[in-house]
PDB file of N, CA and C in Angstrom:
ATOM      1  N   MET A   1      11.152  -0.847  11.463  1.00  0.00           N
ATOM      2  CA  MET A   1      10.198  -0.202  10.992  1.00  0.00           C
ATOM      3  C   MET A   1      11.639   0.705  10.215  1.00  0.00           C
ATOM      4  N   ALA A   2      10.815   1.101   8.954  1.00  0.00           N
ATOM      5  CA  ALA A   2      11.625   2.075   8.319  1.00  0.00           C
ATOM      6  C   ALA A   2      10.369   3.439   7.832  1.00  0.00           C
ATOM      7  N   VAL A   3      11.081   4.546   8.860  1.00  0.00           N
ATOM      8  CA  VAL A   3      10.254   5.550   8.453  1.00  0.00           C
ATOM      9  C   VAL A   3      10.879   6.521   6.888  1.00  0.00           C
ATOM     10  N   ILE A   4       9.951   6.918   6.362  1.00  0.00           N
ATOM     11  CA  ILE A   4      11.278   7.500   5.352  1.00  0.00           C
ATOM     12  C   ILE A   4      10.343   8.744   4.650  1.00  0.00           C
ATOM     13  N   SER A   5      10.886   9.662   5.144  1.00  0.00           N
ATOM     14  CA  SER A   5      10.436  11.037   5.267  1.00  0.00           C
ATOM     15  C   SER A   5      10.374  11.735   3.779  1.00  0.00           C
ATOM     16  N   PRO A   6       9.343  12.812   3.666  1.00  0.00           N
ATOM     17  CA  PRO A   6       9.514  13.822   2.404  1.00  0.00           C
ATOM     18  C   PRO A   6      10.778  14.224   1.880  1.00  0.00           C
ATOM     19  N   GLU A   7      11.704  14.195   2.266  1.00  0.00           N
ATOM     20  CA  GLU A   7      13.364  14.715   1.852  1.00  0.00           C
ATOM     21  C   GLU A   7      13.981  13.512   1.679  1.00  0.00           C
ATOM     22  N   GLN A   8      13.666  12.564   1.624  1.00  0.00           N
ATOM     23  CA  GLN A   8      14.218  10.722   0.756  1.00  0.00           C
ATOM     24  C   GLN A   8      12.921  10.343  -0.383  1.00  0.00           C
ATOM     25  N   ARG A   9      12.374  11.243  -0.417  1.00  0.00           N
ATOM     26  CA  ARG A   9      11.338  10.684  -1.756  1.00  0.00           C
ATOM     27  C   ARG A   9      11.810   9.911  -3.146  1.00  0.00           C
ATOM     28  N   THR A  10      13.576  10.147  -3.191  1.00  0.00           N
ATOM     29  CA  THR A  10      13.873   9.438  -4.299  1.00  0.00           C
ATOM     30  C   THR A  10      13.992   8.051  -3.585  1.00  0.00           C
ATOM     31  N   GLU A  11      13.837   7.866  -2.427  1.00  0.00           N
ATOM     32  CA  GLU A  11      13.583   6.365  -2.059  1.00  0.00           C
ATOM     33  C   GLU A  11      12.939   5.782  -2.031  1.00  0.00           C
ATOM     34  N   TRP A  12      11.672   5.983  -2.277  1.00  0.00           N
ATOM     35  CA  TRP A  12       9.754   5.919  -1.822  1.00  0.00           C
ATOM     36  C   TRP A  12       9.762   5.449  -3.351  1.00  0.00           C
ATOM     37  N   THR A  13      10.605   5.424  -4.303  1.00  0.00           N
ATOM     38  CA  THR A  13      10.398   4.862  -5.896  1.00  0.00           C
ATOM     39  C   THR A  13      10.426   3.294  -5.487  1.00  0.00           C
ATOM     40  N   LYS A  14      11.719   3.574  -5.298  1.00  0.00           N
ATOM     41  CA  LYS A  14      12.452   1.846  -5.045  1.00  0.00           C
ATOM     42  C   LYS A  14      11.468   1.255  -3.765  1.00  0.00           C
ATOM     43  N   LEU A  15      11.255   1.629  -2.733  1.00  0.00           N
ATOM     44  CA  LEU A  15      10.329   0.558  -2.146  1.00  0.00           C
ATOM     45  C   LEU A  15       9.306   0.629  -2.439  1.00  0.00           C
ATOM     46  N   SER A  16       8.491   1.391  -3.412  1.00  0.00           N
ATOM     47  CA  SER A  16       7.392   0.670  -3.956  1.00  0.00           C
ATOM     48  C   SER A  16       7.285  -0.494  -4.806  1.00  0.00           C
ATOM     49  N   ASP A  17       8.484  -0.393  -5.432  1.00  0.00           N
ATOM     50  CA  ASP A  17       8.924  -1.399  -6.218  1.00  0.00           C
ATOM     51  C   ASP A  17       8.606  -2.451  -5.467  1.00  0.00           C
ATOM     52  N   ARG A  18      10.330  -2.435  -4.450  1.00  0.00           N
ATOM     53  CA  ARG A  18      10.165  -3.718  -3.943  1.00  0.00           C
ATOM     54  C   ARG A  18       9.010  -4.373  -2.907  1.00  0.00           C
ATOM     55  N   LEU A  19       8.488  -3.456  -2.452  1.00  0.00           N
ATOM     56  CA  LEU A  19       7.076  -3.994  -2.070  1.00  0.00           C
ATOM     57  C   LEU A  19       6.265  -4.810  -3.086  1.00  0.00           C
ATOM     58  N   THR A  20       6.106  -3.969  -4.520  1.00  0.00           N
ATOM     59  CA  THR A  20       5.114  -5.219  -5.103  1.00  0.00           C
ATOM     60  C   THR A  20       5.956  -6.329  -5.177  1.00  0.00           C
ATOM     61  N   ALA A  21       6.977  -6.358  -5.595  1.00  0.00           N
ATOM     62  CA  ALA A  21       8.209  -7.330  -6.215  1.00  0.00           C
ATOM     63  C   ALA A  21       7.870  -8.411  -5.512  1.00  0.00           C
ATOM     64  N   GLU A  22       8.110  -7.994  -3.832  1.00  0.00           N
ATOM     65  CA  GLU A  22       8.166  -9.184  -2.767  1.00  0.00           C
ATOM     66  C   GLU A  22       6.887  -9.552  -2.272  1.00  0.00           C
ATOM     67  N   TYR A  23       5.638  -9.152  -2.394  1.00  0.00           N
ATOM     68  CA  TYR A  23       4.693  -9.339  -1.860  1.00  0.00           C
ATOM     69  C   TYR A  23       3.436 -10.095  -3.169  1.00  0.00           C
ATOM     70  N   GLN A  24       3.973 -10.581  -4.517  1.00  0.00           N
ATOM     71  CA  GLN A  24       3.174 -10.773  -5.148  1.00  0.00           C
ATOM     72  C   GLN A  24       2.090 -11.773  -5.174  1.00  0.00           C
ATOM     73  N   GLY A  25       1.394 -12.355  -4.675  1.00  0.00           N
ATOM     74  CA  GLY A  25       0.398 -13.250  -4.143  1.00  0.00           C
ATOM     75  C   GLY A  25       0.074 -13.056  -3.332  1.00  0.00           C
ATOM     76  N   TYR A  26       0.675 -11.839  -2.118  1.00  0.00           N
ATOM     77  CA  TYR A  26      -0.236 -11.705  -0.982  1.00  0.00           C
ATOM     78  C   TYR A  26      -1.763 -11.096  -0.894  1.00  0.00           C
ATOM     79  N   ASP A  27      -2.454 -11.356   0.232  1.00  0.00           N
ATOM     80  CA  ASP A  27      -3.670 -10.198   0.480  1.00  0.00           C
ATOM     81  C   ASP A  27      -3.033  -9.092   0.589  1.00  0.00           C
ATOM     82  N   VAL A  28      -3.990  -7.966   0.018  1.00  0.00           N
ATOM     83  CA  VAL A  28      -3.869  -6.416   0.842  1.00  0.00           C
ATOM     84  C   VAL A  28      -5.089  -6.172   1.609  1.00  0.00           C
ATOM     85  N   THR A  29      -5.414  -5.187   2.294  1.00  0.00           N
ATOM     86  CA  THR A  29      -6.212  -4.788   2.671  1.00  0.00           C
ATOM     87  C   THR A  29      -5.943  -3.069   2.914  1.00  0.00           C
ATOM     88  N   VAL A  30      -6.912  -2.385   2.663  1.00  0.00           N
ATOM     89  CA  VAL A  30      -6.550  -0.750   2.519  1.00  0.00           C
ATOM     90  C   VAL A  30      -7.502  -0.185   3.205  1.00  0.00           C
ATOM     91  N   GLU A  31      -7.257   0.729   4.557  1.00  0.00           N
ATOM     92  CA  GLU A  31      -8.093   1.483   5.042  1.00  0.00           C
ATOM     93  C   GLU A  31      -7.914   3.002   4.824  1.00  0.00           C
ATOM     94  N   VAL A  32      -8.502   3.886   5.050  1.00  0.00           N
ATOM     95  CA  VAL A  32      -7.982   5.263   5.227  1.00  0.00           C
ATOM     96  C   VAL A  32      -8.770   6.184   6.276  1.00  0.00           C
ATOM     97  N   LEU A  33      -7.857   6.601   6.918  1.00  0.00           N
ATOM     98  CA  LEU A  33      -7.884   6.964   8.394  1.00  0.00           C
ATOM     99  C   LEU A  33      -8.079   8.547   8.398  1.00  0.00           C
ATOM    100  N   ASP A  34      -9.001   9.327   7.915  1.00  0.00           N
ATOM    101  CA  ASP A  34      -9.320  11.045   7.909  1.00  0.00           C
ATOM    102  C   ASP A  34      -9.753  11.469   8.845  1.00  0.00           C
ATOM    103  N   PRO A  35      -8.675  12.449   9.536  1.00  0.00           N
ATOM    104  CA  PRO A  35      -9.211  13.194  10.792  1.00  0.00           C
ATOM    105  C   PRO A  35     -10.580  13.946  10.785  1.00  0.00           C
ATOM    106  N   GLU A  36     -11.078  14.188   9.704  1.00  0.00           N
ATOM    107  CA  GLU A  36     -12.553  14.638   9.687  1.00  0.00           C
ATOM    108  C   GLU A  36     -13.828  13.812   9.268  1.00  0.00           C
ATOM    109  N   VAL A  37     -13.313  13.127   8.885  1.00  0.00           N
ATOM    110  CA  VAL A  37     -14.598  12.209   8.479  1.00  0.00           C
ATOM    111  C   VAL A  37     -14.427  10.752   8.938  1.00  0.00           C
ATOM    112  N   GLY A  38     -13.258  10.169   9.363  1.00  0.00           N
ATOM    113  CA  GLY A  38     -13.115   9.044  10.128  1.00  0.00           C
ATOM    114  C   GLY A  38     -12.930   7.776   9.156  1.00  0.00           C
ATOM    115  N   ASP A  39     -12.564   6.380   9.839  1.00  0.00           N
ATOM    116  CA  ASP A  39     -12.131   5.426   9.196  1.00  0.00           C
ATOM    117  C   ASP A  39     -12.741   5.168   8.286  1.00  0.00           C
ATOM    118  N   ASN A  40     -12.398   4.950   7.085  1.00  0.00           N
ATOM    119  CA  ASN A  40     -13.227   4.462   5.901  1.00  0.00           C
ATOM    120  C   ASN A  40     -12.272   3.014   5.143  1.00  0.00           C
ATOM    121  N   PRO A  41     -12.728   1.923   5.128  1.00  0.00           N
ATOM    122  CA  PRO A  41     -12.376   1.281   4.933  1.00  0.00           C
ATOM    123  C   PRO A  41     -12.122   0.869   3.294  1.00  0.00           C
ATOM    124  N   MET A  42     -11.386   0.480   2.418  1.00  0.00           N
ATOM    125  CA  MET A  42     -11.822   0.215   0.880  1.00  0.00           C
ATOM    126  C   MET A  42     -11.204  -0.620   0.632  1.00  0.00           C
ATOM    127  N   VAL A  43     -11.198  -1.653   1.012  1.00  0.00           N
ATOM    128  CA  VAL A  43     -10.819  -3.043   0.274  1.00  0.00           C
ATOM    129  C   VAL A  43     -10.397  -4.041   1.465  1.00  0.00           C
ATOM    130  N   ASP A  44     -10.737  -5.134   1.353  1.00  0.00           N
ATOM    131  CA  ASP A  44     -10.209  -6.219   2.753  1.00  0.00           C
ATOM    132  C   ASP A  44      -9.697  -7.917   1.992  1.00  0.00           C
ATOM    133  N   ARG A  45      -8.736  -7.788   2.284  1.00  0.00           N
ATOM    134  CA  ARG A  45      -8.544  -9.328   1.784  1.00  0.00           C
ATOM    135  C   ARG A  45      -8.815  -9.446   0.442  1.00  0.00           C
ATOM    136  N   MET A  46      -7.942  -8.591  -0.469  1.00  0.00           N
ATOM    137  CA  MET A  46      -8.349  -8.986  -1.918  1.00  0.00           C
ATOM    138  C   MET A  46      -6.872  -8.644  -2.333  1.00  0.00           C
ATOM    139  N   PRO A  47      -6.247  -9.887  -3.401  1.00  0.00           N
ATOM    140  CA  PRO A  47      -5.543 -10.255  -4.195  1.00  0.00           C
ATOM    141  C   PRO A  47      -4.610  -9.138  -4.702  1.00  0.00           C
ATOM    142  N   PHE A  48      -3.342  -8.826  -3.834  1.00  0.00           N
ATOM    143  CA  PHE A  48      -2.542  -7.546  -4.143  1.00  0.00           C
ATOM    144  C   PHE A  48      -2.020  -7.242  -5.188  1.00  0.00           C
ATOM    145  N   ASP A  49      -2.390  -6.773  -5.842  1.00  0.00           N
ATOM    146  CA  ASP A  49      -1.724  -6.247  -7.333  1.00  0.00           C
ATOM    147  C   ASP A  49      -0.439  -5.253  -7.429  1.00  0.00           C
ATOM    148  N   ASN A  50      -0.140  -3.611  -6.941  1.00  0.00           N
ATOM    149  CA  ASN A  50       0.956  -2.868  -6.604  1.00  0.00           C
ATOM    150  C   ASN A  50       0.802  -1.665  -5.914  1.00  0.00           C
ATOM    151  N   ILE A  51       2.223  -1.787  -5.308  1.00  0.00           N
ATOM    152  CA  ILE A  51       1.738  -0.427  -4.898  1.00  0.00           C
ATOM    153  C   ILE A  51       3.122   0.780  -5.983  1.00  0.00           C
ATOM    154  N   THR A  52       2.751   2.227  -6.054  1.00  0.00           N
ATOM    155  CA  THR A  52       4.000   3.033  -6.752  1.00  0.00           C
ATOM    156  C   THR A  52       3.856   4.047  -6.367  1.00  0.00           C
ATOM    157  N   TYR A  53       4.990   4.851  -6.164  1.00  0.00           N
ATOM    158  CA  TYR A  53       4.653   6.034  -6.398  1.00  0.00           C
ATOM    159  C   TYR A  53       5.564   6.694  -7.742  1.00  0.00           C
ATOM    160  N   ASP A  54       4.926   7.943  -7.840  1.00  0.00           N
ATOM    161  CA  ASP A  54       5.228   8.734  -8.933  1.00  0.00           C
ATOM    162  C   ASP A  54       5.894  10.246  -8.178  1.00  0.00           C
ATOM    163  N   HIS A  55       6.759  10.570  -8.551  1.00  0.00           N
ATOM    164  CA  HIS A  55       7.410  11.280  -8.150  1.00  0.00           C
ATOM    165  C   HIS A  55       6.996  12.597  -9.073  1.00  0.00           C
ATOM    166  N   LYS A  56       6.838  12.493 -10.366  1.00  0.00           N
ATOM    167  CA  LYS A  56       6.504  13.804 -11.344  1.00  0.00           C
ATOM    168  C   LYS A  56       5.113  14.497 -10.484  1.00  0.00           C
ATOM    169  N   ASP A  57       4.350  13.592 -10.643  1.00  0.00           N
ATOM    170  CA  ASP A  57       3.079  14.056  -9.807  1.00  0.00           C
ATOM    171  C   ASP A  57       2.615  14.017  -8.585  1.00  0.00           C
ATOM    172  N   ASP A  58       3.819  13.654  -7.749  1.00  0.00           N
ATOM    173  CA  ASP A  58       3.932  13.537  -6.333  1.00  0.00           C
ATOM    174  C   ASP A  58       2.409  12.836  -5.617  1.00  0.00           C
ATOM    175  N   VAL A  59       2.578  11.270  -6.333  1.00  0.00           N
ATOM    176  CA  VAL A  59       1.431  10.535  -5.888  1.00  0.00           C
ATOM    177  C   VAL A  59       1.853   8.759  -5.534  1.00  0.00           C
ATOM    178  N   ALA A  60       1.046   8.339  -4.415  1.00  0.00           N
ATOM    179  CA  ALA A  60       1.595   6.974  -4.688  1.00  0.00           C
ATOM    180  C   ALA A  60       0.182   6.662  -4.595  1.00  0.00           C
ATOM    181  N   VAL A  61       0.265   5.118  -5.034  1.00  0.00           N
ATOM    182  CA  VAL A  61      -1.293   4.428  -5.942  1.00  0.00           C
ATOM    183  C   VAL A  61      -0.785   2.789  -5.087  1.00  0.00           C
ATOM    184  N   VAL A  62      -1.571   2.310  -4.522  1.00  0.00           N
ATOM    185  CA  VAL A  62      -2.269   1.228  -4.295  1.00  0.00           C
ATOM    186  C   VAL A  62      -2.954   0.435  -5.196  1.00  0.00           C
ATOM    187  N   ALA A  63      -2.592  -0.141  -5.967  1.00  0.00           N
ATOM    188  CA  ALA A  63      -4.098  -1.464  -6.701  1.00  0.00           C
ATOM    189  C   ALA A  63      -4.247  -2.902  -6.215  1.00  0.00           C
ATOM    190  N   ALA A  64      -5.225  -3.066  -5.819  1.00  0.00           N
ATOM    191  CA  ALA A  64      -6.147  -4.436  -5.366  1.00  0.00           C
ATOM    192  C   ALA A  64      -6.568  -5.162  -6.895  1.00  0.00           C
ATOM    193  N   ALA A  65      -6.327  -6.624  -6.793  1.00  0.00           N
ATOM    194  CA  ALA A  65      -7.210  -6.908  -8.095  1.00  0.00           C
ATOM    195  C   ALA A  65      -8.419  -7.368  -7.748  1.00  0.00           C
ATOM    196  N   ARG A  66      -9.181  -7.720  -8.752  1.00  0.00           N
ATOM    197  CA  ARG A  66     -10.520  -9.206  -8.258  1.00  0.00           C
ATOM    198  C   ARG A  66     -10.002 -10.633  -8.156  1.00  0.00           C
ATOM    199  N   ASP A  67      -9.003 -10.682  -8.772  1.00  0.00           N
ATOM    200  CA  ASP A  67      -8.571 -12.360  -8.846  1.00  0.00           C
ATOM    201  C   ASP A  67      -7.378 -12.333  -8.696  1.00  0.00           C
ATOM    202  N   PRO A  68      -6.954 -13.931  -7.869  1.00  0.00           N
ATOM    203  CA  PRO A  68      -5.659 -13.768  -7.610  1.00  0.00           C
ATOM    204  C   PRO A  68      -4.526 -14.059  -8.638  1.00  0.00           C
ATOM    205  N   GLU A  69      -4.978 -14.047  -9.715  1.00  0.00           N
ATOM    206  CA  GLU A  69      -4.329 -14.071 -11.137  1.00  0.00           C
ATOM    207  C   GLU A  69      -3.948 -12.562 -11.530  1.00  0.00           C
ATOM    208  N   ARG A  70      -4.429 -11.272 -10.725  1.00  0.00           N
ATOM    209  CA  ARG A  70      -4.246 -10.212 -11.054  1.00  0.00           C
ATOM    210  C   ARG A  70      -4.787  -9.590 -12.474  1.00  0.00           C
ATOM    211  N   GLU A  71      -5.596 -10.431 -12.892  1.00  0.00           N
ATOM    212  CA  GLU A  71      -5.909 -10.243 -13.949  1.00  0.00           C
ATOM    213  C   GLU A  71      -6.809  -8.570 -14.680  1.00  0.00           C
ATOM    214  N   ASP A  72      -7.257  -8.475 -13.273  1.00  0.00           N
ATOM    215  CA  ASP A  72      -8.665  -7.200 -13.595  1.00  0.00           C
ATOM    216  C   ASP A  72      -8.562  -5.869 -11.746  1.00  0.00           C
ATOM    217  N   VAL A  73      -7.946  -5.130 -12.104  1.00  0.00           N
ATOM    218  CA  VAL A  73      -7.863  -4.445 -10.901  1.00  0.00           C
ATOM    219  C   VAL A  73      -9.518  -3.650 -10.324  1.00  0.00           C
ATOM    220  N   ALA A  74      -9.038  -3.829  -9.082  1.00  0.00           N
ATOM    221  CA  ALA A  74     -11.033  -3.413  -8.690  1.00  0.00           C
ATOM    222  C   ALA A  74     -10.720  -1.920  -7.901  1.00  0.00           C
ATOM    223  N   LEU A  75      -9.440  -2.288  -7.394  1.00  0.00           N
ATOM    224  CA  LEU A  75      -8.958  -1.132  -6.871  1.00  0.00           C
ATOM    225  C   LEU A  75      -8.179  -0.028  -6.940  1.00  0.00           C
ATOM    226  N   ARG A  76      -7.692   1.205  -7.248  1.00  0.00           N
ATOM    227  CA  ARG A  76      -6.564   2.108  -7.323  1.00  0.00           C
ATOM    228  C   ARG A  76      -6.495   3.208  -6.222  1.00  0.00           C
ATOM    229  N   HIS A  77      -5.953   2.976  -5.094  1.00  0.00           N
ATOM    230  CA  HIS A  77      -6.426   4.208  -3.890  1.00  0.00           C
ATOM    231  C   HIS A  77      -5.228   4.974  -4.562  1.00  0.00           C
ATOM    232  N   MET A  78      -5.598   6.563  -4.566  1.00  0.00           N
ATOM    233  CA  MET A  78      -3.772   7.319  -5.077  1.00  0.00           C
ATOM    234  C   MET A  78      -4.357   8.080  -3.267  1.00  0.00           C
ATOM    235  N   VAL A  79      -3.109   8.310  -3.131  1.00  0.00           N
ATOM    236  CA  VAL A  79      -2.298   9.059  -1.969  1.00  0.00           C
ATOM    237  C   VAL A  79      -2.063  10.166  -2.386  1.00  0.00           C
ATOM    238  N   ASN A  80      -2.133  11.489  -2.541  1.00  0.00           N
ATOM    239  CA  ASN A  80      -1.886  12.623  -3.274  1.00  0.00           C
ATOM    240  C   ASN A  80      -1.109  13.291  -2.505  1.00  0.00           C
ATOM    241  N   HIS A  81       0.286  13.467  -2.242  1.00  0.00           N
ATOM    242  CA  HIS A  81       1.610  14.485  -1.609  1.00  0.00           C
ATOM    243  C   HIS A  81       1.633  14.156  -1.081  1.00  0.00           C
ATOM    244  N   PRO A  82       1.987  12.937  -0.715  1.00  0.00           N
ATOM    245  CA  PRO A  82       2.612  11.631   0.393  1.00  0.00           C
ATOM    246  C   PRO A  82       3.622  12.714   0.849  1.00  0.00           C
ATOM    247  N   GLN A  83       3.324  12.815   2.318  1.00  0.00           N
ATOM    248  CA  GLN A  83       4.231  12.781   3.424  1.00  0.00           C
ATOM    249  C   GLN A  83       5.435  12.379   3.850  1.00  0.00           C
ATOM    250  N   GLU A  84       4.990  10.663   4.379  1.00  0.00           N
ATOM    251  CA  GLU A  84       5.745   9.804   5.216  1.00  0.00           C
ATOM    252  C   GLU A  84       4.843   8.591   4.702  1.00  0.00           C
ATOM    253  N   PHE A  85       6.466   7.466   4.445  1.00  0.00           N
ATOM    254  CA  PHE A  85       5.879   6.291   4.034  1.00  0.00           C
ATOM    255  C   PHE A  85       6.291   5.418   5.804  1.00  0.00           C
ATOM    256  N   VAL A  86       5.402   4.710   6.161  1.00  0.00           N
ATOM    257  CA  VAL A  86       6.567   4.095   7.136  1.00  0.00           C
ATOM    258  C   VAL A  86       6.164   2.444   6.627  1.00  0.00           C
ATOM    259  N   VAL A  87       7.077   1.686   7.378  1.00  0.00           N
ATOM    260  CA  VAL A  87       6.792   0.319   6.560  1.00  0.00           C
ATOM    261  C   VAL A  87       7.133  -0.438   8.079  1.00  0.00           C
ATOM    262  N   ASP A  88       6.568  -1.181   8.380  1.00  0.00           N
ATOM    263  CA  ASP A  88       6.880  -2.408   9.266  1.00  0.00           C
ATOM    264  C   ASP A  88       6.780  -3.694   8.890  1.00  0.00           C
ATOM    265  N   LEU A  89       8.171  -4.770   8.783  1.00  0.00           N
ATOM    266  CA  LEU A  89       7.454  -5.828   8.126  1.00  0.00           C
ATOM    267  C   LEU A  89       6.978  -6.684   9.798  1.00  0.00           C
ATOM    268  N   ILE A  90       6.269  -7.012   9.403  1.00  0.00           N
ATOM    269  CA  ILE A  90       5.174  -7.851  10.265  1.00  0.00           C
ATOM    270  C   ILE A  90       5.078  -9.925   9.705  1.00  0.00           C
ATOM    271  N   PRO A  91       5.008 -10.430  10.966  1.00  0.00           N
ATOM    272  CA  PRO A  91       5.218 -11.875  10.823  1.00  0.00           C
ATOM    273  C   PRO A  91       4.167 -12.524   9.318  1.00  0.00           C
ATOM    274  N   GLU A  92       3.263 -12.020   9.000  1.00  0.00           N
ATOM    275  CA  GLU A  92       1.763 -12.053   8.764  1.00  0.00           C
ATOM    276  C   GLU A  92       2.405 -11.262   7.100  1.00  0.00           C
ATOM    277  N   GLY A  93       3.407 -10.270   7.052  1.00  0.00           N
ATOM    278  CA  GLY A  93       3.575  -9.530   5.965  1.00  0.00           C
ATOM    279  C   GLY A  93       4.526  -8.744   6.317  1.00  0.00           C
ATOM    280  N   ALA A  94       3.012  -7.533   5.863  1.00  0.00           N
ATOM    281  CA  ALA A  94       4.018  -6.379   5.581  1.00  0.00           C
ATOM    282  C   ALA A  94       2.819  -5.040   6.006  1.00  0.00           C
ATOM    283  N   ALA A  95       3.156  -4.094   6.471  1.00  0.00           N
ATOM    284  CA  ALA A  95       2.175  -3.007   7.048  1.00  0.00           C
ATOM    285  C   ALA A  95       2.880  -0.983   6.774  1.00  0.00           C
ATOM    286  N   VAL A  96       2.257  -1.156   5.676  1.00  0.00           N
ATOM    287  CA  VAL A  96       2.526   0.595   4.805  1.00  0.00           C
ATOM    288  C   VAL A  96       1.525   1.316   6.008  1.00  0.00           C
ATOM    289  N   LYS A  97       2.260   2.844   5.823  1.00  0.00           N
ATOM    290  CA  LYS A  97       1.281   3.817   6.426  1.00  0.00           C
ATOM    291  C   LYS A  97       1.729   5.015   5.643  1.00  0.00           C
ATOM    292  N   ILE A  98       0.823   5.367   4.758  1.00  0.00           N
ATOM    293  CA  ILE A  98       1.460   6.799   3.728  1.00  0.00           C
ATOM    294  C   ILE A  98       0.314   7.850   4.424  1.00  0.00           C
ATOM    295  N   THR A  99       0.883   8.631   4.587  1.00  0.00           N
ATOM    296  CA  THR A  99      -0.040   9.474   5.218  1.00  0.00           C
ATOM    297  C   THR A  99       0.437  11.115   4.027  1.00  0.00           C
ATOM    298  N   ASP A 100      -0.862  12.047   3.707  1.00  0.00           N
ATOM    299  CA  ASP A 100      -0.466  12.699   2.971  1.00  0.00           C
ATOM    300  C   ASP A 100      -0.590  14.309   3.543  1.00  0.00           C
ATOM    301  N   ASN A 101      -0.371  15.310   2.712  1.00  0.00           N
ATOM    302  CA  ASN A 101      -0.393  16.573   3.249  1.00  0.00           C
ATOM    303  C   ASN A 101      -1.199  16.883   4.035  1.00  0.00           C
ATOM    304  N   THR A 102      -2.645  16.797   4.143  1.00  0.00           N
ATOM    305  CA  THR A 102      -3.658  16.937   4.912  1.00  0.00           C
ATOM    306  C   THR A 102      -3.560  16.516   6.245  1.00  0.00           C
ATOM    307  N   GLY A 103      -3.154  15.451   6.593  1.00  0.00           N
ATOM    308  CA  GLY A 103      -3.076  14.686   7.948  1.00  0.00           C
ATOM    309  C   GLY A 103      -3.634  12.822   7.792  1.00  0.00           C
ATOM    310  N   THR A 104      -4.675  12.801   6.155  1.00  0.00           N
ATOM    311  CA  THR A 104      -5.125  11.760   6.382  1.00  0.00           C
ATOM    312  C   THR A 104      -4.118  10.770   5.883  1.00  0.00           C
ATOM    313  N   THR A 105      -4.232   9.275   6.861  1.00  0.00           N
ATOM    314  CA  THR A 105      -3.252   8.430   6.712  1.00  0.00           C
ATOM    315  C   THR A 105      -4.042   7.115   5.892  1.00  0.00           C
ATOM    316  N   THR A 106      -3.510   6.678   4.892  1.00  0.00           N
ATOM    317  CA  THR A 106      -3.774   5.120   4.694  1.00  0.00           C
ATOM    318  C   THR A 106      -2.647   3.703   5.097  1.00  0.00           C
ATOM    319  N   LEU A 107      -3.894   3.022   5.558  1.00  0.00           N
ATOM    320  CA  LEU A 107      -2.784   2.066   6.153  1.00  0.00           C
ATOM    321  C   LEU A 107      -2.886   0.727   5.284  1.00  0.00           C
ATOM    322  N   VAL A 108      -1.851   0.797   4.734  1.00  0.00           N
ATOM    323  CA  VAL A 108      -1.826  -0.767   3.929  1.00  0.00           C
ATOM    324  C   VAL A 108      -1.230  -2.034   3.963  1.00  0.00           C
ATOM    325  N   SER A 109      -2.168  -2.987   4.383  1.00  0.00           N
ATOM    326  CA  SER A 109      -1.695  -4.592   5.300  1.00  0.00           C
ATOM    327  C   SER A 109      -1.524  -5.815   4.264  1.00  0.00           C
ATOM    328  N   LEU A 110      -0.306  -6.236   4.227  1.00  0.00           N
ATOM    329  CA  LEU A 110      -0.242  -7.117   3.112  1.00  0.00           C
ATOM    330  C   LEU A 110       0.108  -8.506   3.452  1.00  0.00           C
ATOM    331  N   LEU A 111      -0.390  -9.027   3.676  1.00  0.00           N
ATOM    332  CA  LEU A 111      -0.874 -10.350   4.304  1.00  0.00           C
ATOM    333  C   LEU A 111      -0.767 -11.493   3.080  1.00  0.00           C
ATOM    334  N   ARG A 112      -0.510 -12.553   4.474  1.00  0.00           N
ATOM    335  CA  ARG A 112      -0.244 -14.206   3.599  1.00  0.00           C
ATOM    336  C   ARG A 112      -1.849 -14.541   3.108  1.00  0.00           C
ATOM    337  N   ARG A 113      -1.902 -15.210   1.842  1.00  0.00           N
ATOM    338  CA  ARG A 113      -3.200 -15.573   1.600  1.00  0.00           C
ATOM    339  C   ARG A 113      -3.777 -16.638   2.918  1.00  0.00           C
ATOM    340  N   THR A 114      -4.895 -16.445   3.090  1.00  0.00           N
ATOM    341  CA  THR A 114      -5.503 -17.161   3.533  1.00  0.00           C
ATOM    342  C   THR A 114      -5.457 -18.172   3.194  1.00  0.00           C
ATOM    343  N   ASP A 115      -5.950 -18.405   2.090  1.00  0.00           N
ATOM    344  CA  ASP A 115      -6.020 -20.440   1.307  1.00  0.00           C
ATOM    345  C   ASP A 115      -4.248 -21.180   1.382  1.00  0.00           C
ATOM    346  N   GLY A 116      -3.480 -20.313   2.029  1.00  0.00           N
ATOM    347  CA  GLY A 116      -2.106 -20.855   2.420  1.00  0.00           C
ATOM    348  C   GLY A 116      -1.422 -20.082   1.215  1.00  0.00           C
ATOM    349  N   GLY A 117      -1.827 -19.700   0.222  1.00  0.00           N
ATOM    350  CA  GLY A 117      -0.871 -19.339  -0.638  1.00  0.00           C
ATOM    351  C   GLY A 117      -0.409 -17.875  -0.184  1.00  0.00           C
ATOM    352  N   GLN A 118       1.241 -17.714  -0.785  1.00  0.00           N
ATOM    353  CA  GLN A 118       1.762 -16.189  -0.137  1.00  0.00           C
ATOM    354  C   GLN A 118       2.604 -16.295  -1.218  1.00  0.00           C
ATOM    355  N   GLY A 119       3.474 -15.348  -1.480  1.00  0.00           N
ATOM    356  CA  GLY A 119       4.363 -14.364  -2.540  1.00  0.00           C
ATOM    357  C   GLY A 119       5.170 -15.718  -3.362  1.00  0.00           C
ATOM    358  N   SER A 120       4.968 -14.980  -4.554  1.00  0.00           N
ATOM    359  CA  SER A 120       5.909 -16.380  -5.617  1.00  0.00           C
ATOM    360  C   SER A 120       7.116 -16.046  -6.372  1.00  0.00           C
TER     361      SER A 120
END
């Protein structure tokens, strides 16, 4: 497990680029855990498009596609002012936890495709 704190923001762009490259072809599940509202599933096992961090705007973005060819983006979930990235490599892929400055957590699961496909 790797925990990358706000003091290491320069690493967040490298990390997001690496996750995007290594997990293309995987499915992505995104769930938001809001301390006030509760759990909110955003997408479940859709083709993973990318994850990015823009240090200029201080925002992390997770994108899922509508189809396996990743030609049409179905979801762009933004995490404003992230405070922590936690990445855990799991046998099925990777798990990412991004916590913002309000305490809301976004859980991103990058999982091998259920049809047997996996990263390219």
